[in-house]
Amino acid sequence: MRKTAISILAITLCALLSGCGKAMTISLPFAASDVENVEMYHYVVPASAEKRS
C-alpha cells in the first residue's frame, strides 16, 4: 500500500513539473518608455473596485 502511494505521488509530481519548463513571453503594443502613469485597482467583486494609490 505504501509503495503504491509513493508511486502515485511521484507520477503526480512529474506530471506537474513537466508543464513548468515552458517559456512564455508577452509582447505589448507599446514600449515601457511610453507609460506615464499606472493605476491599480483592488477588488473581489469588480463592481466594488477601489483605486489604490
N, C-alpha and C. Protein backbone atom coordinates (compact mmCIF):
# COMPACT_ATOMS: atom_id res chain seq x y z
N MET A 1 0.83 -1.20 0.00
CA MET A 1 0.00 0.00 0.00
C MET A 1 0.87 1.25 0.00
N ARG A 2 1.93 1.24 0.78
CA ARG A 2 2.81 2.41 0.88
C ARG A 2 3.55 2.67 -0.42
N LYS A 3 4.00 1.60 -1.11
CA LYS A 3 4.70 1.76 -2.37
C LYS A 3 3.77 2.34 -3.43
N THR A 4 2.51 1.97 -3.40
CA THR A 4 1.54 2.49 -4.37
C THR A 4 1.34 3.98 -4.15
N ALA A 5 1.21 4.39 -2.90
CA ALA A 5 1.01 5.80 -2.61
C ALA A 5 2.23 6.62 -3.03
N ILE A 6 3.41 6.12 -2.79
CA ILE A 6 4.63 6.82 -3.19
C ILE A 6 4.73 6.89 -4.71
N SER A 7 4.37 5.83 -5.38
CA SER A 7 4.40 5.81 -6.85
C SER A 7 3.42 6.82 -7.43
N ILE A 8 2.22 6.89 -6.88
CA ILE A 8 1.22 7.84 -7.35
C ILE A 8 1.70 9.27 -7.11
N LEU A 9 2.28 9.52 -5.95
CA LEU A 9 2.80 10.84 -5.63
C LEU A 9 3.93 11.23 -6.59
N ALA A 10 4.83 10.31 -6.89
CA ALA A 10 5.94 10.58 -7.80
C ALA A 10 5.44 10.87 -9.21
N ILE A 11 4.47 10.11 -9.68
CA ILE A 11 3.91 10.34 -11.01
C ILE A 11 3.21 11.69 -11.07
N THR A 12 2.47 12.04 -10.02
CA THR A 12 1.78 13.32 -9.98
C THR A 12 2.77 14.48 -10.00
N LEU A 13 3.84 14.38 -9.22
CA LEU A 13 4.85 15.45 -9.20
C LEU A 13 5.54 15.59 -10.55
N CYS A 14 5.84 14.48 -11.20
CA CYS A 14 6.47 14.54 -12.52
C CYS A 14 5.54 15.19 -13.54
N ALA A 15 4.26 14.86 -13.46
CA ALA A 15 3.28 15.44 -14.39
C ALA A 15 3.14 16.94 -14.16
N LEU A 16 3.14 17.38 -12.91
CA LEU A 16 3.02 18.79 -12.61
C LEU A 16 4.27 19.57 -13.02
N LEU A 17 5.43 19.00 -12.82
CA LEU A 17 6.68 19.69 -13.13
C LEU A 17 6.96 19.75 -14.63
N SER A 18 6.37 18.88 -15.40
CA SER A 18 6.64 18.88 -16.84
C SER A 18 6.09 20.12 -17.52
N GLY A 19 5.05 20.73 -16.98
CA GLY A 19 4.49 21.94 -17.56
C GLY A 19 5.21 23.20 -17.14
N CYS A 20 6.11 23.12 -16.19
CA CYS A 20 6.79 24.31 -15.67
C CYS A 20 7.96 24.75 -16.54
N GLY A 21 8.43 23.92 -17.42
CA GLY A 21 9.61 24.23 -18.21
C GLY A 21 9.34 25.07 -19.44
N LYS A 22 8.11 25.33 -19.77
CA LYS A 22 7.79 26.08 -20.98
C LYS A 22 8.00 27.57 -20.74
N ALA A 23 8.69 28.20 -21.68
CA ALA A 23 8.91 29.65 -21.59
C ALA A 23 7.73 30.38 -22.22
N MET A 24 7.36 31.49 -21.60
CA MET A 24 6.25 32.26 -22.11
C MET A 24 6.66 33.73 -22.17
N THR A 25 6.42 34.36 -23.29
CA THR A 25 6.73 35.77 -23.43
C THR A 25 5.46 36.53 -23.79
N ILE A 26 5.39 37.75 -23.34
CA ILE A 26 4.25 38.60 -23.63
C ILE A 26 4.77 39.82 -24.39
N SER A 27 4.18 40.09 -25.54
CA SER A 27 4.57 41.29 -26.28
C SER A 27 3.44 42.30 -26.21
N LEU A 28 3.76 43.48 -25.76
CA LEU A 28 2.78 44.54 -25.61
C LEU A 28 2.89 45.51 -26.78
N PRO A 29 1.79 46.15 -27.15
CA PRO A 29 1.82 47.04 -28.31
C PRO A 29 2.38 48.43 -28.00
N PHE A 30 3.17 48.56 -26.95
CA PHE A 30 3.79 49.84 -26.59
C PHE A 30 5.10 49.57 -25.87
N ALA A 31 5.94 50.58 -25.81
CA ALA A 31 7.23 50.45 -25.13
C ALA A 31 7.07 50.90 -23.67
N ALA A 32 7.96 50.43 -22.83
CA ALA A 32 7.92 50.81 -21.41
C ALA A 32 8.10 52.31 -21.23
N SER A 33 8.83 52.94 -22.12
CA SER A 33 9.05 54.39 -22.01
C SER A 33 7.78 55.18 -22.35
N ASP A 34 6.79 54.55 -23.00
CA ASP A 34 5.54 55.23 -23.33
C ASP A 34 4.61 55.34 -22.12
N VAL A 35 4.88 54.59 -21.07
CA VAL A 35 4.00 54.56 -19.90
C VAL A 35 4.31 55.76 -19.01
N GLU A 36 3.30 56.58 -18.75
CA GLU A 36 3.47 57.73 -17.88
C GLU A 36 2.86 57.51 -16.51
N ASN A 37 1.79 56.70 -16.43
CA ASN A 37 1.05 56.53 -15.20
C ASN A 37 0.50 55.11 -15.15
N VAL A 38 0.51 54.52 -13.98
CA VAL A 38 -0.06 53.19 -13.78
C VAL A 38 -1.07 53.28 -12.65
N GLU A 39 -2.27 52.78 -12.89
CA GLU A 39 -3.31 52.77 -11.86
C GLU A 39 -3.61 51.33 -11.49
N MET A 40 -3.73 51.09 -10.19
CA MET A 40 -4.01 49.74 -9.71
C MET A 40 -5.33 49.76 -8.94
N TYR A 41 -6.15 48.76 -9.20
CA TYR A 41 -7.42 48.63 -8.51
C TYR A 41 -7.44 47.32 -7.75
N HIS A 42 -8.01 47.36 -6.56
CA HIS A 42 -8.12 46.17 -5.71
C HIS A 42 -9.60 45.84 -5.54
N TYR A 43 -9.97 44.61 -5.87
CA TYR A 43 -11.37 44.23 -5.72
C TYR A 43 -11.52 42.72 -5.63
N VAL A 44 -12.61 42.30 -5.06
CA VAL A 44 -13.02 40.91 -5.09
C VAL A 44 -14.16 40.78 -6.09
N VAL A 45 -15.09 41.71 -6.00
CA VAL A 45 -16.19 41.80 -6.95
C VAL A 45 -15.90 43.04 -7.80
N PRO A 46 -15.86 42.93 -9.13
CA PRO A 46 -15.48 44.09 -9.95
C PRO A 46 -16.33 45.35 -9.69
N ALA A 47 -17.57 45.20 -9.29
CA ALA A 47 -18.41 46.37 -9.03
C ALA A 47 -17.93 47.15 -7.80
N SER A 48 -17.17 46.51 -6.91
CA SER A 48 -16.71 47.18 -5.69
C SER A 48 -15.22 47.53 -5.78
N ALA A 49 -14.74 47.83 -6.97
CA ALA A 49 -13.30 48.15 -7.14
C ALA A 49 -12.97 49.46 -6.43
N GLU A 50 -11.81 49.45 -5.78
CA GLU A 50 -11.33 50.65 -5.10
C GLU A 50 -9.96 50.98 -5.67
N LYS A 51 -9.75 52.25 -6.00
CA LYS A 51 -8.47 52.68 -6.54
C LYS A 51 -7.43 52.70 -5.43
N ARG A 52 -6.27 52.10 -5.71
CA ARG A 52 -5.16 52.09 -4.75
C ARG A 52 -4.15 53.15 -5.18
N SER A 53 -3.53 53.82 -4.22
CA SER A 53 -2.56 54.85 -4.59
C SER A 53 -1.15 54.34 -4.48
